[in-house]
Amino acid sequence: MTDKEQIEHLKGELSHALTRISELEALLMKLSTVKSSKNSHKPPSSDLARKNQSLREKSDNPVGGQKGHKGNTLKMSPTPDVTEKIYPNFCNQCGESLHVSTFELAARRQVLDIPPIKPIITEYQSFGTQCGCGHYQCGTFPSGVVNHVQYGKNIQSLVVYQSYYQFLPFGRLQDFFSKVCNVSIGKGTIENILRRAAQKAQPAYDALKEAITEATFVGSDETSFKSKGSKNWFWVWQNSLVTYLVAATSRSKAVIAEQFPCGLPNAILGSDRLAAQLSTTTKGNQACLPHLLRELNYLIALEQTPWAANFKTLLQAAIQLKQQQPAYEKNNPQTQFIEQRADQLLLPDIARQLSSQPLLHKQTITFFKGMLAIRHALFTCLYHSDVPFDNNGSERAFRMVKVKTKISGQFKSLQHEFAVIRSVIDSAIKNGQSVFYAINAVIDIIPPPKAAG
């Protein structure tokens, strides 16, 4: 082999070695970059080192309550139910009796408490009499009083409240009623109360669905849960006034088609990048920008492309713009700059540059293509005051689902009932209503009489 041939051979080996080194470096970077809730869709509970995962930048403000924040303190009642007057009998200094002295009010203190809970049993006695016409007439029991012995609406409301709002498991709920309320109640009875409450709430649940159908903005998401060991899904459609939860066995768009056959033609739909959500018939779409920022954090740590860092800066600028003002005109210079910058970052030339090193930029290329697909949904929020840049409302609705499953374990049944009641509860909260009294109003509904068989 001549010297020239040997040099060419060594050049080939060097080129192969450099390519292999680049591949191994990319693999090492991938293995050393761990996905967490800060850079992916993973929940915070899955993080190995559970530090603060907020995307919020560090602020110069001191921790705790900010200047001007008004605190709350327990206030004295002007009309106490019981007043106990305390008079001194003798002087602590000289021991002289004070029984003939004139006293003046020196100080007041109040203790706020509740009496021991004891159930009140009301017996309804129906009397009858023989009418002159020969008919024997009995007094009519009040509406809802249908059994020889039954639980009243406050006990039923408390069962629903403690189970679906405070998330007490059945066993602890029984203990609460037995030890605190002095009422014995079985698990089967608890389940029946929850089923009947959901049946009574069905008209309100249907009304919430109708409100979502007519809304101008709807946020939607889905999350998994276990039912008898099988994977199921809760779906949510929500906005600032309404929450509509659905329990389903699928994550496919068939669920959307079943719930909203005509889609949501009046609404801008906020969601993550799930294809089923994006396929919904809507007036427009808005992607959750914090979700995209978390994905970009992962790409920046993994593949370190300038494009990912630039795209992250663009999304942060859009969020900051939205926070400064609810909505802008299309011809606003600030929004035009953001739109033009997005177009520049999604040019075909950028894709070709990333594709020139597919091993180093594999996941960035995938994300780039995803952004091209949802380009229309990136900055819709800038032009509509009621459209947020995030999907936090949907995640808040699911937070209660996760809390329940963590406390009570997987669903064995009643997932539909949970969806119905939680929809009513969350909607009541959003409208400034008392949760307990909203439940109480549901329990107070008299179901229509059963059709004659």
Protein backbone atom coordinates (compact mmCIF):
# COMPACT_ATOMS: atom_id res chain seq x y z
CA MET A 1 0.00 0.00 0.00
CA THR A 2 1.41 3.34 -1.05
CA ASP A 3 1.67 6.26 1.31
CA LYS A 4 -1.16 8.01 -0.54
CA GLU A 5 -3.44 4.98 -0.24
CA GLN A 6 -2.57 4.64 3.43
CA ILE A 7 -3.42 8.31 4.07
CA GLU A 8 -6.77 7.91 2.32
CA HIS A 9 -7.49 4.80 4.35
CA LEU A 10 -6.68 6.60 7.60
CA LYS A 11 -8.84 9.53 6.55
CA GLY A 12 -11.76 7.14 6.01
CA GLU A 13 -11.26 5.53 9.41
CA LEU A 14 -11.00 8.95 11.06
CA SER A 15 -14.23 10.09 9.39
CA HIS A 16 -15.98 6.92 10.51
CA ALA A 17 -14.61 7.36 14.06
CA LEU A 18 -15.76 10.99 14.24
CA THR A 19 -19.24 10.02 13.06
CA ARG A 20 -19.38 7.25 15.65
CA ILE A 21 -18.18 9.65 18.37
CA SER A 22 -20.97 12.08 17.45
CA GLU A 23 -23.54 9.28 17.63
CA LEU A 24 -22.27 8.13 21.02
CA GLU A 25 -22.20 11.68 22.35
CA ALA A 26 -25.82 12.14 21.27
CA LEU A 27 -26.75 8.84 22.93
CA LEU A 28 -24.90 9.80 26.11
CA MET A 29 -26.66 13.15 26.20
CA LYS A 30 -30.02 11.43 25.77
CA LEU A 31 -29.33 8.95 28.56
CA SER A 32 -28.10 11.66 30.92
CA THR A 33 -31.12 13.93 30.27
CA VAL A 34 -33.96 12.60 32.40
CA LYS A 35 -37.55 13.56 31.67
CA SER A 36 -39.40 15.23 34.52
CA SER A 37 -42.48 17.37 35.03
CA LYS A 38 -40.35 20.42 34.21
CA ASN A 39 -39.47 19.29 30.69
CA SER A 40 -42.29 16.93 29.69
CA HIS A 41 -45.92 15.96 30.35
CA LYS A 42 -44.94 13.71 33.27
CA PRO A 43 -46.72 14.51 36.56
CA PRO A 44 -44.69 16.05 39.43
CA SER A 45 -45.29 12.93 41.55
CA SER A 46 -43.07 10.93 39.17
CA ASP A 47 -40.02 13.17 39.68
CA LEU A 48 -37.12 11.47 41.44
CA ALA A 49 -35.88 14.73 42.97
CA ARG A 50 -39.06 16.64 43.68
CA LYS A 51 -37.94 20.24 43.65
CA ASN A 52 -39.98 23.24 42.56
CA GLN A 53 -40.84 22.56 38.90
CA SER A 54 -42.45 25.92 38.11
CA LEU A 55 -41.68 27.50 34.75
CA ARG A 56 -41.88 30.93 36.40
CA GLU A 57 -38.66 32.87 36.31
CA LYS A 58 -37.03 33.92 39.59
CA SER A 59 -38.46 37.16 40.99
CA ASP A 60 -36.88 39.86 43.13
CA ASN A 61 -39.98 40.01 45.33
CA PRO A 62 -39.56 38.72 48.90
CA VAL A 63 -41.17 35.41 49.81
CA GLY A 64 -44.53 35.35 51.59
CA GLY A 65 -47.34 37.89 51.48
CA GLN A 66 -46.60 40.92 49.32
CA LYS A 67 -46.95 44.56 50.35
CA GLY A 68 -50.60 45.59 50.51
CA HIS A 69 -51.82 42.03 51.07
CA LYS A 70 -54.67 41.98 53.59
CA GLY A 71 -54.70 39.11 56.05
CA ASN A 72 -57.74 37.51 57.67
CA THR A 73 -58.24 37.05 61.39
CA LEU A 74 -61.01 35.59 63.54
CA LYS A 75 -63.43 38.38 64.44
CA MET A 76 -65.66 38.71 67.49
CA SER A 77 -69.40 38.38 67.01
CA PRO A 78 -71.57 41.34 68.01
CA THR A 79 -74.40 38.93 68.92
CA PRO A 80 -73.01 35.97 70.94
CA ASP A 81 -75.44 33.10 71.56
CA VAL A 82 -74.39 32.63 75.20
CA THR A 83 -72.93 35.27 77.51
CA GLU A 84 -71.23 34.33 80.77
CA LYS A 85 -70.41 37.19 83.12
CA ILE A 86 -67.36 36.80 85.33
CA TYR A 87 -67.08 38.86 88.55
CA PRO A 88 -64.14 38.81 91.01
CA ASN A 89 -65.01 37.76 94.58
CA PHE A 90 -62.06 39.34 96.38
CA CYS A 91 -59.07 41.56 95.81
CA ASN A 92 -55.91 39.64 94.89
CA GLN A 93 -53.81 42.41 96.50
CA CYS A 94 -55.34 42.78 99.97
CA GLY A 95 -57.90 39.99 100.13
CA GLU A 96 -60.86 42.35 100.73
CA SER A 97 -64.31 41.05 99.66
CA LEU A 98 -65.76 42.71 96.53
CA HIS A 99 -69.37 41.52 96.76
CA VAL A 100 -70.76 45.05 97.37
CA SER A 101 -68.60 46.77 94.73
CA THR A 102 -69.82 48.40 91.51
CA PHE A 103 -68.47 46.63 88.46
CA GLU A 104 -67.71 47.83 84.94
CA LEU A 105 -66.94 45.79 81.79
CA ALA A 106 -63.15 45.46 81.54
CA ALA A 107 -62.58 42.97 78.73
CA ARG A 108 -64.32 40.46 76.49
CA ARG A 109 -63.22 37.14 75.03
CA GLN A 110 -65.20 34.76 72.83
CA VAL A 111 -64.92 31.02 72.18
CA LEU A 112 -66.32 29.74 68.88
CA ASP A 113 -67.42 26.10 69.02
CA ILE A 114 -70.11 23.70 67.80
CA PRO A 115 -72.28 21.49 70.01
CA PRO A 116 -71.91 17.70 69.98
CA ILE A 117 -73.65 16.30 66.90
CA LYS A 118 -76.77 14.29 67.64
CA PRO A 119 -79.19 13.16 64.92
CA ILE A 120 -82.74 14.50 65.07
CA ILE A 121 -85.38 11.86 64.33
CA THR A 122 -88.63 13.18 62.94
CA GLU A 123 -91.60 10.80 62.89
CA TYR A 124 -94.41 11.48 60.45
CA GLN A 125 -97.74 9.96 61.53
CA SER A 126 -100.42 9.72 58.89
CA PHE A 127 -103.97 9.62 60.26
CA GLY A 128 -107.02 8.45 58.36
CA THR A 129 -110.76 8.90 58.63
CA GLN A 130 -113.95 7.65 57.02
CA CYS A 131 -115.59 10.27 54.83
CA GLY A 132 -119.36 10.59 54.65
CA CYS A 133 -119.18 9.37 51.05
CA GLY A 134 -117.66 6.15 52.26
CA HIS A 135 -114.05 6.85 51.18
CA TYR A 136 -111.32 6.29 53.76
CA GLN A 137 -108.88 9.26 53.48
CA CYS A 138 -105.32 9.25 54.94
CA GLY A 139 -102.95 12.18 55.45
CA THR A 140 -100.25 12.52 52.77
CA PHE A 141 -96.62 12.15 53.76
CA PRO A 142 -94.24 14.99 52.72
CA SER A 143 -92.52 14.68 49.34
CA GLY A 144 -89.48 12.46 49.51
CA VAL A 145 -90.60 10.57 52.63
CA VAL A 146 -91.10 7.16 51.00
CA ASN A 147 -89.65 4.55 53.39
CA HIS A 148 -90.44 3.42 56.92
CA VAL A 149 -87.01 4.69 58.01
CA GLN A 150 -84.63 6.72 55.84
CA TYR A 151 -81.77 9.21 56.03
CA GLY A 152 -82.64 12.88 55.70
CA LYS A 153 -81.30 15.25 53.05
CA ASN A 154 -78.58 16.71 55.29
CA ILE A 155 -77.07 13.29 56.00
CA GLN A 156 -77.27 12.39 52.31
CA SER A 157 -75.69 15.73 51.36
CA LEU A 158 -72.91 15.14 53.87
CA VAL A 159 -72.22 11.69 52.38
CA VAL A 160 -71.81 13.22 48.91
CA TYR A 161 -69.82 16.17 50.27
CA GLN A 162 -67.37 14.04 52.23
CA SER A 163 -66.99 11.44 49.48
CA TYR A 164 -66.73 13.60 46.32
CA TYR A 165 -65.44 16.87 47.75
CA GLN A 166 -63.32 15.82 50.75
CA PHE A 167 -62.57 12.38 49.19
CA LEU A 168 -63.07 10.25 52.29
CA PRO A 169 -62.96 6.52 51.48
CA PHE A 170 -66.06 4.56 52.44
CA GLY A 171 -64.46 3.08 55.55
CA ARG A 172 -63.35 6.43 56.91
CA LEU A 173 -66.72 7.92 55.95
CA GLN A 174 -68.45 5.26 58.04
CA ASP A 175 -66.10 6.05 60.94
CA PHE A 176 -66.83 9.79 60.62
CA PHE A 177 -70.58 9.25 60.79
CA SER A 178 -70.32 6.75 63.62
CA LYS A 179 -67.80 8.61 65.84
CA VAL A 180 -68.63 12.24 65.07
CA CYS A 181 -72.27 12.27 63.96
CA ASN A 182 -73.50 9.29 66.02
CA VAL A 183 -75.12 7.80 62.92
CA SER A 184 -74.60 4.23 61.72
CA ILE A 185 -74.42 3.90 57.93
CA GLY A 186 -73.38 0.96 55.73
CA LYS A 187 -71.12 0.96 52.67
CA GLY A 188 -73.96 -0.24 50.47
CA THR A 189 -76.11 2.66 51.66
CA ILE A 190 -73.31 5.12 50.92
CA GLU A 191 -73.04 3.76 47.38
CA ASN A 192 -76.82 3.99 46.90
CA ILE A 193 -76.86 7.60 48.13
CA LEU A 194 -74.12 8.52 45.64
CA ARG A 195 -75.96 6.80 42.79
CA ARG A 196 -79.25 8.54 43.59
CA ALA A 197 -77.49 11.90 43.93
CA ALA A 198 -75.95 11.50 40.46
CA GLN A 199 -79.36 10.56 39.01
CA LYS A 200 -80.92 13.66 40.53
CA ALA A 201 -78.04 15.80 39.24
CA GLN A 202 -78.40 14.49 35.68
CA PRO A 203 -80.52 17.46 34.46
CA ALA A 204 -77.90 19.90 35.83
CA TYR A 205 -75.16 17.78 34.24
CA ASP A 206 -76.94 17.93 30.88
CA ALA A 207 -77.27 21.70 31.26
CA LEU A 208 -73.51 22.00 31.83
CA LYS A 209 -72.90 20.05 28.64
CA GLU A 210 -75.24 22.39 26.76
CA ALA A 211 -73.38 25.41 28.18
CA ILE A 212 -70.09 23.96 26.90
CA THR A 213 -71.66 23.40 23.47
CA GLU A 214 -72.59 27.09 23.25
CA ALA A 215 -69.40 28.53 24.85
CA THR A 216 -66.97 30.76 22.96
CA PHE A 217 -63.95 29.23 24.72
CA VAL A 218 -63.50 25.67 25.96
CA GLY A 219 -60.40 24.06 27.46
CA SER A 220 -60.15 20.28 27.17
CA ASP A 221 -57.88 17.51 28.37
CA GLU A 222 -57.89 13.84 29.36
CA THR A 223 -56.21 11.79 32.07
CA SER A 224 -56.02 8.10 32.84
CA PHE A 225 -57.34 6.26 35.89
CA LYS A 226 -57.69 2.64 36.93
CA SER A 227 -61.06 0.92 37.24
CA LYS A 228 -60.95 -2.70 38.45
CA GLY A 229 -57.38 -2.92 37.19
CA SER A 230 -58.16 -1.65 33.68
CA LYS A 231 -57.04 1.66 32.23
CA ASN A 232 -59.83 4.18 31.70
CA TRP A 233 -59.96 7.90 30.99
CA PHE A 234 -61.55 11.00 32.41
CA TRP A 235 -62.18 13.74 29.85
CA VAL A 236 -62.92 17.36 30.70
CA TRP A 237 -64.35 20.30 28.81
CA GLN A 238 -64.30 23.50 30.84
CA ASN A 239 -64.07 27.29 30.97
CA SER A 240 -64.21 29.96 33.66
CA LEU A 241 -67.85 29.18 34.54
CA VAL A 242 -68.47 25.52 33.70
CA THR A 243 -66.79 22.15 34.19
CA TYR A 244 -68.04 19.08 32.33
CA LEU A 245 -66.34 15.78 33.20
CA VAL A 246 -66.87 12.47 31.41
CA ALA A 247 -65.67 8.97 32.36
CA ALA A 248 -64.74 6.88 29.32
CA THR A 249 -62.91 3.68 28.43
CA SER A 250 -61.07 5.27 25.50
CA ARG A 251 -58.76 8.17 24.68
CA SER A 252 -59.83 8.26 21.03
CA LYS A 253 -61.80 10.91 19.19
CA ALA A 254 -64.80 8.59 19.34
CA VAL A 255 -65.41 9.96 22.85
CA ILE A 256 -65.55 13.51 21.48
CA ALA A 257 -67.86 12.42 18.66
CA GLU A 258 -70.18 10.76 21.17
CA GLN A 259 -70.31 13.78 23.49
CA PHE A 260 -70.35 16.51 20.83
CA PRO A 261 -71.49 15.05 17.48
CA CYS A 262 -71.40 18.52 15.85
CA GLY A 263 -68.18 19.50 17.61
CA LEU A 264 -67.87 22.90 19.30
CA PRO A 265 -68.49 25.23 16.36
CA ASN A 266 -68.78 28.38 18.49
CA ALA A 267 -65.65 27.80 20.55
CA ILE A 268 -61.93 28.23 20.42
CA LEU A 269 -60.63 24.99 21.89
CA GLY A 270 -57.62 25.07 24.21
CA SER A 271 -55.78 21.77 24.54
CA ASP A 272 -52.48 19.95 24.37
CA ARG A 273 -51.34 18.45 21.09
CA LEU A 274 -53.52 15.32 21.22
CA ALA A 275 -54.70 14.60 17.68
CA ALA A 276 -58.19 13.68 18.90
CA GLN A 277 -58.61 17.14 20.43
CA LEU A 278 -57.27 18.92 17.36
CA SER A 279 -59.71 17.00 15.15
CA THR A 280 -62.71 18.53 16.94
CA THR A 281 -64.82 20.86 14.79
CA THR A 282 -64.21 24.30 16.32
CA LYS A 283 -63.96 27.99 15.51
CA GLY A 284 -60.24 27.87 16.32
CA ASN A 285 -57.57 26.27 18.51
CA GLN A 286 -55.07 27.32 21.15
CA ALA A 287 -52.19 25.10 22.18
CA CYS A 288 -51.07 25.08 25.82
CA LEU A 289 -47.87 27.16 25.69
CA PRO A 290 -46.48 26.03 29.10
CA HIS A 291 -46.66 22.42 27.86
CA LEU A 292 -44.61 23.41 24.82
CA LEU A 293 -42.11 25.23 27.04
CA ARG A 294 -41.60 22.08 29.12
CA GLU A 295 -40.94 20.07 25.96
CA LEU A 296 -38.49 22.72 24.78
CA ASN A 297 -36.67 22.57 28.13
CA TYR A 298 -36.10 18.87 27.49
CA LEU A 299 -34.92 19.43 23.90
CA ILE A 300 -32.53 22.19 24.97
CA ALA A 301 -30.99 19.93 27.61
CA LEU A 302 -30.93 16.91 25.29
CA GLU A 303 -29.89 18.19 21.87
CA GLN A 304 -28.84 21.78 22.63
CA THR A 305 -30.04 23.27 19.35
CA PRO A 306 -30.14 27.09 19.03
CA TRP A 307 -33.50 26.69 17.29
CA ALA A 308 -35.13 25.22 20.41
CA ALA A 309 -33.76 28.05 22.56
CA ASN A 310 -35.02 30.66 20.06
CA PHE A 311 -38.46 29.07 19.89
CA LYS A 312 -38.66 29.00 23.68
CA THR A 313 -37.84 32.73 23.78
CA LEU A 314 -40.61 33.37 21.25
CA LEU A 315 -43.23 31.52 23.32
CA GLN A 316 -42.14 33.34 26.47
CA ALA A 317 -42.53 36.67 24.65
CA ALA A 318 -46.06 35.70 23.57
CA ILE A 319 -46.99 34.75 27.14
CA GLN A 320 -45.61 38.03 28.47
CA LEU A 321 -47.62 39.93 25.85
CA LYS A 322 -50.82 38.12 26.86
CA GLN A 323 -50.19 38.90 30.52
CA GLN A 324 -49.82 42.61 29.75
CA GLN A 325 -53.14 42.93 27.92
CA PRO A 326 -56.13 40.58 27.43
CA ALA A 327 -56.36 40.96 23.63
CA TYR A 328 -54.77 42.74 20.66
CA GLU A 329 -55.76 43.72 17.16
CA LYS A 330 -54.33 41.69 14.28
CA ASN A 331 -52.35 44.69 13.03
CA ASN A 332 -50.70 45.38 16.39
CA PRO A 333 -46.91 45.75 15.86
CA GLN A 334 -46.09 43.49 18.82
CA THR A 335 -48.27 40.61 17.66
CA GLN A 336 -47.09 41.07 14.08
CA PHE A 337 -43.50 40.73 15.25
CA ILE A 338 -44.32 37.48 17.09
CA GLU A 339 -46.18 36.06 14.09
CA GLN A 340 -43.37 36.97 11.70
CA ARG A 341 -40.75 35.55 14.04
CA ALA A 342 -42.72 32.29 14.25
CA ASP A 343 -42.86 32.10 10.46
CA GLN A 344 -39.10 32.63 10.29
CA LEU A 345 -38.42 29.87 12.81
CA LEU A 346 -40.65 27.45 10.91
CA LEU A 347 -39.18 28.01 7.43
CA PRO A 348 -38.32 24.91 5.34
CA ASP A 349 -34.63 26.00 5.39
CA ILE A 350 -34.61 25.52 9.17
CA ALA A 351 -35.98 22.01 8.73
CA ARG A 352 -33.26 21.20 6.21
CA GLN A 353 -30.56 22.50 8.56
CA LEU A 354 -31.85 20.35 11.41
CA SER A 355 -32.22 17.33 9.10
CA SER A 356 -28.59 17.61 8.01
CA GLN A 357 -27.67 16.00 11.35
CA PRO A 358 -30.61 13.68 12.05
CA LEU A 359 -28.86 11.75 14.82
CA LEU A 360 -28.09 14.92 16.77
CA HIS A 361 -31.42 16.65 16.16
CA LYS A 362 -33.87 13.74 15.95
CA GLN A 363 -36.34 14.88 18.61
CA THR A 364 -36.00 18.56 17.73
CA ILE A 365 -36.98 17.68 14.15
CA THR A 366 -40.07 15.86 15.45
CA PHE A 367 -41.01 18.86 17.58
CA PHE A 368 -40.40 21.19 14.62
CA LYS A 369 -42.84 19.20 12.50
CA GLY A 370 -45.35 19.28 15.32
CA MET A 371 -45.13 23.07 15.48
CA LEU A 372 -45.73 23.28 11.74
CA ALA A 373 -48.89 21.20 12.20
CA ILE A 374 -50.27 23.47 14.94
CA ARG A 375 -48.91 26.79 13.66
CA HIS A 376 -52.49 28.11 13.53
CA ALA A 377 -52.97 27.30 17.23
CA LEU A 378 -49.90 28.95 18.73
CA PHE A 379 -51.02 32.54 19.27
CA THR A 380 -54.83 32.56 19.03
CA CYS A 381 -54.96 33.72 22.66
CA LEU A 382 -53.43 37.07 21.72
CA TYR A 383 -56.58 38.08 19.83
CA HIS A 384 -59.31 36.88 22.21
CA SER A 385 -59.64 38.16 25.77
CA ASP A 386 -61.34 35.00 27.07
CA VAL A 387 -58.75 32.59 25.62
CA PRO A 388 -55.86 31.79 28.02
CA PHE A 389 -52.36 30.82 26.87
CA ASP A 390 -52.42 27.71 29.05
CA ASN A 391 -54.68 24.76 29.80
CA ASN A 392 -54.43 25.08 33.57
CA GLY A 393 -58.20 25.08 34.04
CA SER A 394 -58.40 21.54 32.67
CA GLU A 395 -55.48 20.41 34.81
CA ARG A 396 -57.13 21.87 37.92
CA ALA A 397 -60.26 19.84 37.15
CA PHE A 398 -58.15 16.68 36.99
CA ARG A 399 -56.22 17.48 40.14
CA MET A 400 -59.24 16.42 42.18
CA VAL A 401 -59.43 13.15 40.24
CA LYS A 402 -55.83 12.39 41.17
CA VAL A 403 -56.38 13.37 44.79
CA LYS A 404 -59.32 10.98 45.04
CA THR A 405 -57.41 8.06 43.49
CA LYS A 406 -54.41 8.68 45.74
CA ILE A 407 -56.61 8.69 48.86
CA SER A 408 -59.16 6.05 47.94
CA GLY A 409 -57.29 3.95 45.37
CA GLN A 410 -58.63 2.95 41.98
CA PHE A 411 -62.31 3.17 41.06
CA LYS A 412 -64.24 -0.07 41.48
CA SER A 413 -67.43 1.58 40.24
CA LEU A 414 -69.22 4.93 40.36
CA GLN A 415 -66.82 6.71 37.97
CA HIS A 416 -69.76 8.09 36.01
CA GLU A 417 -71.41 9.26 39.22
CA PHE A 418 -68.15 10.89 40.25
CA ALA A 419 -67.96 12.73 36.90
CA VAL A 420 -71.54 13.99 37.28
CA ILE A 421 -71.21 15.21 40.87
CA ARG A 422 -67.72 16.70 40.40
CA SER A 423 -68.99 18.62 37.36
CA VAL A 424 -71.72 20.14 39.52
CA ILE A 425 -69.32 20.83 42.40
CA ASP A 426 -66.63 22.48 40.25
CA SER A 427 -69.20 24.59 38.40
CA ALA A 428 -70.71 25.70 41.72
CA ILE A 429 -67.26 26.77 42.96
CA LYS A 430 -66.60 28.73 39.76
CA ASN A 431 -69.87 30.60 40.23
CA GLY A 432 -69.20 31.46 43.88
CA GLN A 433 -71.72 29.02 45.32
CA SER A 434 -71.40 26.95 48.48
CA VAL A 435 -70.45 23.36 47.65
CA PHE A 436 -72.49 21.86 50.47
CA TYR A 437 -75.62 23.85 49.65
CA ALA A 438 -75.27 23.06 45.95
CA ILE A 439 -75.19 19.35 46.87
CA ASN A 440 -78.08 19.91 49.27
CA ALA A 441 -80.13 21.42 46.45
CA VAL A 442 -79.44 18.34 44.32
CA ILE A 443 -80.46 15.97 47.12
CA ASP A 444 -83.65 17.99 47.63
CA ILE A 445 -84.81 17.27 44.07
CA ILE A 446 -87.82 14.96 44.01
CA PRO A 447 -87.32 12.42 41.20
CA PRO A 448 -90.25 11.94 38.82
CA PRO A 449 -92.51 8.96 39.62
CA LYS A 450 -91.63 5.71 37.90
CA ALA A 451 -93.72 4.85 34.90
CA ALA A 452 -96.27 2.13 35.49
CA GLY A 453 -94.98 -1.22 34.25
